[in-house]
């Protein structure tokens, strides 16, 4: 199966800071990739390069076979993006915002209305559809951001902390939706919640200090936990990969 997301030797420097150091990623349809790393590891920078919001210092990104540097408009049509913070116009209602997004993506009339209704239904926004964005709880803001990412039914989804701010019931609903969407889409999901990786992801990639230190299934990641870790083994494995000298050892086992 062809990879829908291909990132090759991505690097990013900010002056003397080498934030991302030669990261390779290839994500096919049907895969939900959990993209993990401690704060400052280069995770958000990598996602911004993949989505074309940040130009890499070196390397390239192809989405559905389209080089994002050569044809950024066509490449950006291929994915839905939920960024950190779920930005929107504060005075717009949820429905008005989604109609605005539909128009921005070129939909008009009946098709625009149908896509808005489908997105509202998918993430259960019916009860707040006429509420101004600035008055929403953090959880509903995230769900509105997810609705706009889904509106054009893309083959690629790039989600930054999609369940941040959601209550347990809302998290369950969104995770079920991500599992469903992952059947025929390529999904990259950045999260700090390791139970989310176990719940919805088919693959996990851990980066630390700008490089990949692990690439495998969630079960393989958990197996990297120290032998004396009895509880929260996924957390223990993450710490082992991203702290101290152990992280250097873990990097040798990463599949690049």
Protein backbone atom coordinates (compact mmCIF):
# COMPACT_ATOMS: atom_id res chain seq x y z
CA UNK A 1 0.00 0.00 0.00
CA UNK A 2 1.41 3.42 -0.95
CA UNK A 3 2.40 5.75 1.86
CA UNK A 4 0.17 8.79 2.13
CA UNK A 5 2.65 10.72 4.26
CA UNK A 6 6.35 10.63 3.49
CA UNK A 7 8.87 12.78 5.35
CA UNK A 8 12.51 12.29 4.41
CA UNK A 9 15.50 13.49 6.42
CA UNK A 10 13.62 16.43 7.93
CA UNK A 11 15.81 18.94 9.72
CA UNK A 12 15.08 22.27 11.34
CA UNK A 13 17.49 24.78 12.82
CA UNK A 14 16.58 27.93 14.70
CA UNK A 15 19.90 29.74 14.76
CA UNK A 16 22.21 27.65 16.92
CA UNK A 17 19.36 25.35 18.03
CA UNK A 18 19.12 22.12 16.04
CA UNK A 19 15.48 21.26 16.83
CA UNK A 20 14.92 18.39 14.38
CA UNK A 21 17.76 16.15 13.20
CA UNK A 22 17.03 14.05 10.13
CA UNK A 23 13.62 12.53 10.90
CA UNK A 24 12.10 10.02 8.47
CA UNK A 25 8.41 9.05 8.59
CA UNK A 26 6.23 7.04 6.21
CA UNK A 27 2.56 6.54 7.05
CA UNK A 28 0.18 4.47 4.87
CA UNK A 29 -3.61 4.48 4.83
CA UNK A 30 -5.07 2.40 7.63
CA UNK A 31 -2.44 3.42 10.17
CA UNK A 32 -2.88 5.58 13.28
CA UNK A 33 0.56 6.77 14.31
CA UNK A 34 1.07 8.06 17.84
CA UNK A 35 3.81 10.72 17.68
CA UNK A 36 5.41 11.07 21.10
CA UNK A 37 8.18 12.98 22.79
CA UNK A 38 8.92 15.10 25.85
CA UNK A 39 8.49 18.87 25.74
CA UNK A 40 11.19 20.39 23.54
CA UNK A 41 11.86 17.13 21.66
CA UNK A 42 10.92 18.64 18.27
CA UNK A 43 7.49 17.04 18.02
CA UNK A 44 5.45 20.18 17.25
CA UNK A 45 8.18 21.47 14.94
CA UNK A 46 8.07 18.23 12.96
CA UNK A 47 4.29 18.36 12.66
CA UNK A 48 4.42 21.97 11.47
CA UNK A 49 6.92 21.00 8.78
CA UNK A 50 4.75 18.08 7.66
CA UNK A 51 1.74 20.38 7.36
CA UNK A 52 3.67 23.10 5.52
CA UNK A 53 3.33 25.72 8.26
CA UNK A 54 7.08 25.69 8.77
CA UNK A 55 9.74 25.34 6.10
CA UNK A 56 12.36 22.68 6.85
CA UNK A 57 16.04 23.57 6.87
CA UNK A 58 16.61 20.32 4.98
CA UNK A 59 14.61 17.35 3.81
CA UNK A 60 11.24 17.07 2.09
CA UNK A 61 7.62 16.12 2.68
CA UNK A 62 5.20 14.43 0.28
CA UNK A 63 1.48 14.13 0.97
CA UNK A 64 -0.46 11.77 -1.30
CA UNK A 65 2.61 11.90 -3.55
CA UNK A 66 2.60 15.73 -3.76
CA UNK A 67 5.75 17.55 -2.67
CA UNK A 68 4.57 20.24 -0.27
CA UNK A 69 7.42 22.57 -1.21
CA UNK A 70 6.67 22.32 -4.93
CA UNK A 71 2.85 22.54 -4.79
CA UNK A 72 1.80 23.64 -1.30
CA UNK A 73 -1.86 24.39 -2.17
CA UNK A 74 -2.49 20.96 -3.70
CA UNK A 75 -0.63 19.23 -0.85
CA UNK A 76 -2.62 21.06 1.82
CA UNK A 77 -5.89 19.97 0.25
CA UNK A 78 -4.99 16.37 1.08
CA UNK A 79 -5.14 16.65 4.87
CA UNK A 80 -7.18 17.84 7.81
CA UNK A 81 -5.23 19.51 10.60
CA UNK A 82 -6.13 20.04 14.23
CA UNK A 83 -3.41 22.34 15.58
CA UNK A 84 -2.59 23.01 19.18
CA UNK A 85 -5.07 25.52 20.62
CA UNK A 86 -7.81 24.92 18.01
CA UNK A 87 -7.79 28.54 16.73
CA UNK A 88 -11.03 30.05 15.43
CA UNK A 89 -12.76 33.41 15.18
CA UNK A 90 -14.10 34.04 18.71
CA UNK A 91 -17.31 35.84 17.69
CA UNK A 92 -18.43 33.16 15.25
CA UNK A 93 -20.79 30.43 16.36
CA UNK A 94 -19.70 26.84 15.86
CA UNK A 95 -21.99 26.54 12.83
CA UNK A 96 -20.83 29.85 11.33
CA UNK A 97 -17.21 28.82 11.72
CA UNK A 98 -17.75 25.49 10.00
CA UNK A 99 -19.65 27.19 7.16
CA UNK A 100 -16.72 29.61 6.83
CA UNK A 101 -14.29 26.67 6.63
CA UNK A 102 -16.50 24.95 4.04
CA UNK A 103 -16.51 28.09 1.87
CA UNK A 104 -12.75 28.50 2.30
CA UNK A 105 -12.35 24.97 0.97
CA UNK A 106 -14.46 25.80 -2.08
CA UNK A 107 -17.79 24.22 -1.12
CA UNK A 108 -21.03 26.08 -1.78
CA UNK A 109 -24.78 25.60 -1.41
CA UNK A 110 -26.11 22.17 -0.59
CA UNK A 111 -22.70 20.49 -0.53
CA UNK A 112 -21.39 23.01 2.01
CA UNK A 113 -24.44 22.55 4.23
CA UNK A 114 -24.22 18.75 4.06
CA UNK A 115 -20.54 18.76 4.99
CA UNK A 116 -21.16 21.07 7.94
CA UNK A 117 -24.03 18.89 9.19
CA UNK A 118 -21.94 15.74 8.83
CA UNK A 119 -19.05 17.25 10.78
CA UNK A 120 -21.33 18.51 13.55
CA UNK A 121 -22.86 15.06 13.86
CA UNK A 122 -19.55 13.21 13.82
CA UNK A 123 -18.18 15.00 16.89
CA UNK A 124 -21.50 15.65 18.68
CA UNK A 125 -21.64 19.45 18.45
CA UNK A 126 -25.41 19.75 17.97
CA UNK A 127 -25.97 21.19 21.44
CA UNK A 128 -23.51 24.07 20.95
CA UNK A 129 -23.83 24.71 17.21
CA UNK A 130 -25.26 28.23 17.76
CA UNK A 131 -22.92 29.12 20.59
CA UNK A 132 -20.05 31.59 20.07
CA UNK A 133 -16.64 29.93 19.95
CA UNK A 134 -15.22 32.18 22.69
CA UNK A 135 -17.89 30.94 25.13
CA UNK A 136 -17.16 27.24 24.61
CA UNK A 137 -15.35 25.05 27.10
CA UNK A 138 -11.88 23.88 26.15
CA UNK A 139 -13.29 20.47 25.31
CA UNK A 140 -15.88 21.83 22.87
CA UNK A 141 -13.25 24.06 21.29
CA UNK A 142 -11.16 20.96 20.60
CA UNK A 143 -14.17 19.16 19.17
CA UNK A 144 -14.95 22.12 16.90
CA UNK A 145 -11.34 22.04 15.72
CA UNK A 146 -11.69 18.35 14.97
CA UNK A 147 -14.93 19.00 13.07
CA UNK A 148 -13.21 21.48 10.74
CA UNK A 149 -10.36 19.03 10.16
CA UNK A 150 -12.88 16.38 9.06
CA UNK A 151 -15.08 18.66 6.98
CA UNK A 152 -13.56 17.89 3.58
CA UNK A 153 -13.22 14.16 4.37
CA UNK A 154 -9.44 14.05 3.83
CA UNK A 155 -7.34 10.92 3.41
CA UNK A 156 -4.80 12.30 5.90
CA UNK A 157 -5.45 13.61 9.40
CA UNK A 158 -2.82 15.35 11.51
CA UNK A 159 -4.05 15.86 15.06
CA UNK A 160 -2.17 17.69 17.81
CA UNK A 161 -3.49 16.63 21.24
CA UNK A 162 -7.01 15.85 19.93
CA UNK A 163 -8.47 14.93 23.34
CA UNK A 164 -6.87 17.75 25.33
CA UNK A 165 -9.48 19.25 27.65
CA UNK A 166 -12.12 16.58 27.06
CA UNK A 167 -13.89 14.82 29.90
CA UNK A 168 -13.66 10.99 30.08
CA UNK A 169 -16.89 10.46 28.12
CA UNK A 170 -15.82 12.90 25.40
CA UNK A 171 -12.39 11.26 25.22
CA UNK A 172 -14.04 7.91 24.67
CA UNK A 173 -16.21 9.31 21.86
CA UNK A 174 -13.29 10.99 20.09
CA UNK A 175 -11.08 7.92 20.44
CA UNK A 176 -13.81 5.75 18.94
CA UNK A 177 -14.09 8.21 16.05
CA UNK A 178 -10.32 8.18 15.47
CA UNK A 179 -10.31 4.37 15.44
CA UNK A 180 -13.13 4.42 12.90
CA UNK A 181 -11.43 7.03 10.72
CA UNK A 182 -8.14 5.16 10.89
CA UNK A 183 -9.57 2.30 8.87
CA UNK A 184 -8.89 3.98 5.53
CA UNK A 185 -6.87 7.09 6.41
CA UNK A 186 -3.32 7.91 7.42
CA UNK A 187 -3.49 9.56 10.84
CA UNK A 188 -0.68 11.18 12.82
CA UNK A 189 -1.71 11.87 16.39
CA UNK A 190 0.53 13.84 18.71
CA UNK A 191 -0.23 13.29 22.38
CA UNK A 192 1.22 13.30 25.89
CA UNK A 193 -1.39 10.78 27.03
CA UNK A 194 0.21 7.35 26.74
CA UNK A 195 -3.05 5.52 27.42
CA UNK A 196 -4.31 7.16 24.22
CA UNK A 197 -1.53 5.47 22.28
CA UNK A 198 -2.59 2.11 23.68
CA UNK A 199 -6.27 2.88 23.01
CA UNK A 200 -6.19 4.07 19.39
CA UNK A 201 -2.75 3.81 17.78
CA UNK A 202 -1.43 0.99 15.63
CA UNK A 203 2.09 2.42 15.64
CA UNK A 204 4.14 4.60 17.98
CA UNK A 205 7.10 6.85 17.16
CA UNK A 206 9.05 8.46 19.99
CA UNK A 207 11.43 11.33 19.36
CA UNK A 208 13.91 12.87 21.75
CA UNK A 209 16.26 15.78 21.13
CA UNK A 210 15.16 15.93 17.52
CA UNK A 211 15.77 12.30 16.60
CA UNK A 212 13.70 9.10 16.49
CA UNK A 213 14.46 6.82 19.46
CA UNK A 214 11.66 4.30 18.90
CA UNK A 215 9.42 3.19 16.02
CA UNK A 216 7.15 0.20 16.48
CA UNK A 217 3.81 -1.00 17.81
CA UNK A 218 2.47 0.13 21.20
CA UNK A 219 3.01 -3.42 22.48
CA UNK A 220 6.65 -3.33 21.34
CA UNK A 221 7.06 0.04 23.04
CA UNK A 222 5.68 -1.30 26.31
CA UNK A 223 8.09 -4.23 26.10
CA UNK A 224 10.98 -1.76 26.32
CA UNK A 225 10.03 -0.87 29.90
CA UNK A 226 12.61 -1.80 32.54
CA UNK A 227 12.08 -5.26 34.01
CA UNK A 228 11.34 -3.87 37.47
CA UNK A 229 8.45 -1.74 36.17
CA UNK A 230 5.25 -3.51 37.25
CA UNK A 231 2.70 -0.72 36.82
CA UNK A 232 2.36 1.90 34.08
CA UNK A 233 4.84 0.08 31.89
CA UNK A 234 4.15 2.33 28.90
CA UNK A 235 5.12 5.36 31.01
CA UNK A 236 8.22 3.56 32.21
CA UNK A 237 9.21 2.69 28.64
CA UNK A 238 8.73 6.32 27.58
CA UNK A 239 10.91 7.58 30.43
CA UNK A 240 13.58 5.02 29.61
CA UNK A 241 13.67 6.20 26.00
CA UNK A 242 13.76 9.93 26.73
CA UNK A 243 15.88 10.43 29.83
CA UNK A 244 19.55 10.09 30.57
CA UNK A 245 21.91 7.59 29.02
CA UNK A 246 19.15 5.03 28.52
CA UNK A 247 17.73 7.20 25.73
CA UNK A 248 20.96 6.75 23.78
CA UNK A 249 20.63 3.00 24.10
CA UNK A 250 16.98 3.12 23.00
CA UNK A 251 17.93 5.09 19.91
CA UNK A 252 19.98 2.16 18.67
CA UNK A 253 16.82 0.04 18.60
CA UNK A 254 14.69 2.51 16.68
CA UNK A 255 13.48 1.37 13.26
CA UNK A 256 14.15 4.26 10.92
